[in-house]
Amino acid sequence: MRLILSALAFLGVLAMPDTLPAQDEKKGTAVKITVKSWDAAGKQFLKPQEDVTAEKIVNGDRILFKVISKNAVGRAEPTTGSEITEADGTVYVVKKGVSGVDGVFKAFSEKKSVEKKP
């Protein structure tokens, strides 16, 4: 019985692809962004940090911005509630900001809805 289970496990390993697809590991495009970090304690936006290099990964209506920690020092850290603006003026709201152990800040974002004026 053990031999059969070991053989099945071995065959399963052989059948696995070399790399496992992960949503966060898709190839993105390099972009320059402006980060307006949200200070939850002070309930205000901090001064915007311009010209931050990031990688943009699009998955449907969700956008992931990956910012290397050396580029996200202080005000450029995209925490939850922050706003990210691209060069073309498109604004995104960070729904979840995560600081990874790999030294990359991940900002799971959605496009900011445009408020209509009456």
C-alpha atoms as a PDB file:
ATOM      1  CA  MET A   1       0.000   0.000   0.000  1.00  0.00           C
ATOM      2  CA  ARG A   2       2.807   2.399   0.892  1.00  0.00           C
ATOM      3  CA  LEU A   3       4.530   1.600  -2.364  1.00  0.00           C
ATOM      4  CA  ILE A   4       1.417   2.485  -4.346  1.00  0.00           C
ATOM      5  CA  LEU A   5       0.940   5.766  -2.465  1.00  0.00           C
ATOM      6  CA  SER A   6       4.611   6.651  -2.915  1.00  0.00           C
ATOM      7  CA  ALA A   7       4.399   5.907  -6.631  1.00  0.00           C
ATOM      8  CA  LEU A   8       1.284   8.077  -6.998  1.00  0.00           C
ATOM      9  CA  ALA A   9       2.961  10.940  -5.150  1.00  0.00           C
ATOM     10  CA  PHE A  10       6.047  10.612  -7.351  1.00  0.00           C
ATOM     11  CA  LEU A  11       3.941  10.623 -10.522  1.00  0.00           C
ATOM     12  CA  GLY A  12       2.094  13.686  -9.260  1.00  0.00           C
ATOM     13  CA  VAL A  13       5.379  15.520  -8.780  1.00  0.00           C
ATOM     14  CA  LEU A  14       6.492  14.610 -12.292  1.00  0.00           C
ATOM     15  CA  ALA A  15       3.214  15.857 -13.746  1.00  0.00           C
ATOM     16  CA  MET A  16       3.476  19.261 -12.027  1.00  0.00           C
ATOM     17  CA  PRO A  17       4.583  22.215 -14.140  1.00  0.00           C
ATOM     18  CA  ASP A  18       7.970  23.799 -13.456  1.00  0.00           C
ATOM     19  CA  THR A  19       6.346  26.932 -12.080  1.00  0.00           C
ATOM     20  CA  LEU A  20       3.032  27.310 -10.366  1.00  0.00           C
ATOM     21  CA  PRO A  21       0.917  30.192 -11.622  1.00  0.00           C
ATOM     22  CA  ALA A  22       0.236  32.793  -8.959  1.00  0.00           C
ATOM     23  CA  GLN A  23      -1.946  35.837  -9.348  1.00  0.00           C
ATOM     24  CA  ASP A  24       0.687  38.141  -7.848  1.00  0.00           C
ATOM     25  CA  GLU A  25       3.463  36.816 -10.058  1.00  0.00           C
ATOM     26  CA  LYS A  26       1.997  37.806 -13.420  1.00  0.00           C
ATOM     27  CA  LYS A  27       4.208  40.019 -15.515  1.00  0.00           C
ATOM     28  CA  GLY A  28       3.270  43.648 -15.311  1.00  0.00           C
ATOM     29  CA  THR A  29       4.379  46.885 -16.860  1.00  0.00           C
ATOM     30  CA  ALA A  30       6.742  49.399 -15.288  1.00  0.00           C
ATOM     31  CA  VAL A  31       4.999  52.691 -14.500  1.00  0.00           C
ATOM     32  CA  LYS A  32       5.736  55.956 -12.712  1.00  0.00           C
ATOM     33  CA  ILE A  33       3.118  56.808 -10.104  1.00  0.00           C
ATOM     34  CA  THR A  34       2.337  59.395  -7.465  1.00  0.00           C
ATOM     35  CA  VAL A  35       1.426  57.965  -4.060  1.00  0.00           C
ATOM     36  CA  LYS A  36      -0.764  59.948  -1.685  1.00  0.00           C
ATOM     37  CA  SER A  37      -0.509  57.885   1.512  1.00  0.00           C
ATOM     38  CA  TRP A  38      -3.404  57.775   3.940  1.00  0.00           C
ATOM     39  CA  ASP A  39      -2.540  58.364   7.594  1.00  0.00           C
ATOM     40  CA  ALA A  40      -5.223  56.367   9.418  1.00  0.00           C
ATOM     41  CA  ALA A  41      -4.209  57.732  12.831  1.00  0.00           C
ATOM     42  CA  GLY A  42      -4.374  61.372  11.746  1.00  0.00           C
ATOM     43  CA  LYS A  43      -7.259  60.724   9.339  1.00  0.00           C
ATOM     44  CA  GLN A  44      -5.617  62.710   6.551  1.00  0.00           C
ATOM     45  CA  PHE A  45      -3.548  62.291   3.401  1.00  0.00           C
ATOM     46  CA  LEU A  46       0.182  62.895   3.658  1.00  0.00           C
ATOM     47  CA  LYS A  47       2.053  65.063   1.163  1.00  0.00           C
ATOM     48  CA  PRO A  48       2.141  63.175  -2.185  1.00  0.00           C
ATOM     49  CA  GLN A  49       5.333  61.371  -3.180  1.00  0.00           C
ATOM     50  CA  GLU A  50       5.858  61.796  -6.921  1.00  0.00           C
ATOM     51  CA  ASP A  51       7.859  59.820  -9.477  1.00  0.00           C
ATOM     52  CA  VAL A  52       7.700  56.451  -7.694  1.00  0.00           C
ATOM     53  CA  THR A  53       8.641  53.467  -9.872  1.00  0.00           C
ATOM     54  CA  ALA A  54       6.185  50.554  -9.648  1.00  0.00           C
ATOM     55  CA  GLU A  55       5.031  47.493 -11.534  1.00  0.00           C
ATOM     56  CA  LYS A  56       1.364  47.513 -12.590  1.00  0.00           C
ATOM     57  CA  ILE A  57      -0.479  44.208 -12.983  1.00  0.00           C
ATOM     58  CA  VAL A  58      -4.036  44.284 -14.355  1.00  0.00           C
ATOM     59  CA  ASN A  59      -6.469  41.493 -13.491  1.00  0.00           C
ATOM     60  CA  GLY A  60      -9.954  42.430 -14.673  1.00  0.00           C
ATOM     61  CA  ASP A  61     -11.133  45.494 -12.760  1.00  0.00           C
ATOM     62  CA  ARG A  62      -8.537  44.953 -10.034  1.00  0.00           C
ATOM     63  CA  ILE A  63      -5.114  46.526 -10.271  1.00  0.00           C
ATOM     64  CA  LEU A  64      -2.024  45.479  -8.339  1.00  0.00           C
ATOM     65  CA  PHE A  65       0.825  47.946  -7.925  1.00  0.00           C
ATOM     66  CA  LYS A  66       4.104  46.455  -6.683  1.00  0.00           C
ATOM     67  CA  VAL A  67       6.519  49.018  -5.250  1.00  0.00           C
ATOM     68  CA  ILE A  68      10.031  48.042  -4.174  1.00  0.00           C
ATOM     69  CA  SER A  69      10.626  49.112  -0.582  1.00  0.00           C
ATOM     70  CA  LYS A  70      13.614  51.325  -1.421  1.00  0.00           C
ATOM     71  CA  ASN A  71      11.246  53.347  -3.647  1.00  0.00           C
ATOM     72  CA  ALA A  72       8.523  53.446  -0.997  1.00  0.00           C
ATOM     73  CA  VAL A  73      10.296  55.090   1.880  1.00  0.00           C
ATOM     74  CA  GLY A  74       8.015  57.082   4.182  1.00  0.00           C
ATOM     75  CA  ARG A  75       5.262  58.870   2.275  1.00  0.00           C
ATOM     76  CA  ALA A  76       5.378  56.561  -0.755  1.00  0.00           C
ATOM     77  CA  GLU A  77       4.260  53.449   1.129  1.00  0.00           C
ATOM     78  CA  PRO A  78       0.867  52.554  -0.392  1.00  0.00           C
ATOM     79  CA  THR A  79      -1.130  51.727   2.742  1.00  0.00           C
ATOM     80  CA  THR A  80      -4.834  50.865   2.779  1.00  0.00           C
ATOM     81  CA  GLY A  81      -6.878  53.957   1.902  1.00  0.00           C
ATOM     82  CA  SER A  82      -4.059  55.636  -0.034  1.00  0.00           C
ATOM     83  CA  GLU A  83      -4.466  56.990  -3.550  1.00  0.00           C
ATOM     84  CA  ILE A  84      -2.227  56.146  -6.502  1.00  0.00           C
ATOM     85  CA  THR A  85      -2.190  58.429  -9.547  1.00  0.00           C
ATOM     86  CA  GLU A  86      -0.698  57.403 -12.884  1.00  0.00           C
ATOM     87  CA  ALA A  87       0.967  59.806 -15.310  1.00  0.00           C
ATOM     88  CA  ASP A  88      -2.225  60.004 -17.405  1.00  0.00           C
ATOM     89  CA  GLY A  89      -4.201  61.230 -14.374  1.00  0.00           C
ATOM     90  CA  THR A  90      -6.017  57.973 -13.592  1.00  0.00           C
ATOM     91  CA  VAL A  91      -6.557  57.678  -9.834  1.00  0.00           C
ATOM     92  CA  TYR A  92      -6.770  54.378  -7.946  1.00  0.00           C
ATOM     93  CA  VAL A  93      -7.779  53.754  -4.324  1.00  0.00           C
ATOM     94  CA  VAL A  94      -5.741  51.184  -2.399  1.00  0.00           C
ATOM     95  CA  LYS A  95      -8.197  48.663  -0.964  1.00  0.00           C
ATOM     96  CA  LYS A  96      -5.477  46.611   0.726  1.00  0.00           C
ATOM     97  CA  GLY A  97      -1.853  47.577   1.209  1.00  0.00           C
ATOM     98  CA  VAL A  98       0.567  44.814   2.188  1.00  0.00           C
ATOM     99  CA  SER A  99       4.248  44.978   3.087  1.00  0.00           C
ATOM    100  CA  GLY A 100       5.822  41.755   1.863  1.00  0.00           C
ATOM    101  CA  VAL A 101       8.749  39.913   3.379  1.00  0.00           C
ATOM    102  CA  ASP A 102      10.430  40.104  -0.023  1.00  0.00           C
ATOM    103  CA  GLY A 103      10.856  43.872   0.313  1.00  0.00           C
ATOM    104  CA  VAL A 104       7.969  44.719  -2.003  1.00  0.00           C
ATOM    105  CA  PHE A 105       4.891  46.725  -1.047  1.00  0.00           C
ATOM    106  CA  LYS A 106       1.755  45.424  -2.754  1.00  0.00           C
ATOM    107  CA  ALA A 107      -1.197  47.737  -3.257  1.00  0.00           C
ATOM    108  CA  PHE A 108      -4.380  45.953  -4.318  1.00  0.00           C
ATOM    109  CA  SER A 109      -6.317  48.814  -5.897  1.00  0.00           C
ATOM    110  CA  GLU A 110      -9.490  49.747  -7.724  1.00  0.00           C
ATOM    111  CA  LYS A 111     -10.120  52.676 -10.022  1.00  0.00           C
ATOM    112  CA  LYS A 112     -11.530  55.636  -8.107  1.00  0.00           C
ATOM    113  CA  SER A 113     -15.107  56.392  -9.032  1.00  0.00           C
ATOM    114  CA  VAL A 114     -15.709  59.820 -10.491  1.00  0.00           C
ATOM    115  CA  GLU A 115     -18.078  61.977  -8.472  1.00  0.00           C
ATOM    116  CA  LYS A 116     -20.653  63.739 -10.598  1.00  0.00           C
ATOM    117  CA  LYS A 117     -21.375  67.337  -9.714  1.00  0.00           C
ATOM    118  CA  PRO A 118     -25.032  68.420  -9.860  1.00  0.00           C
END
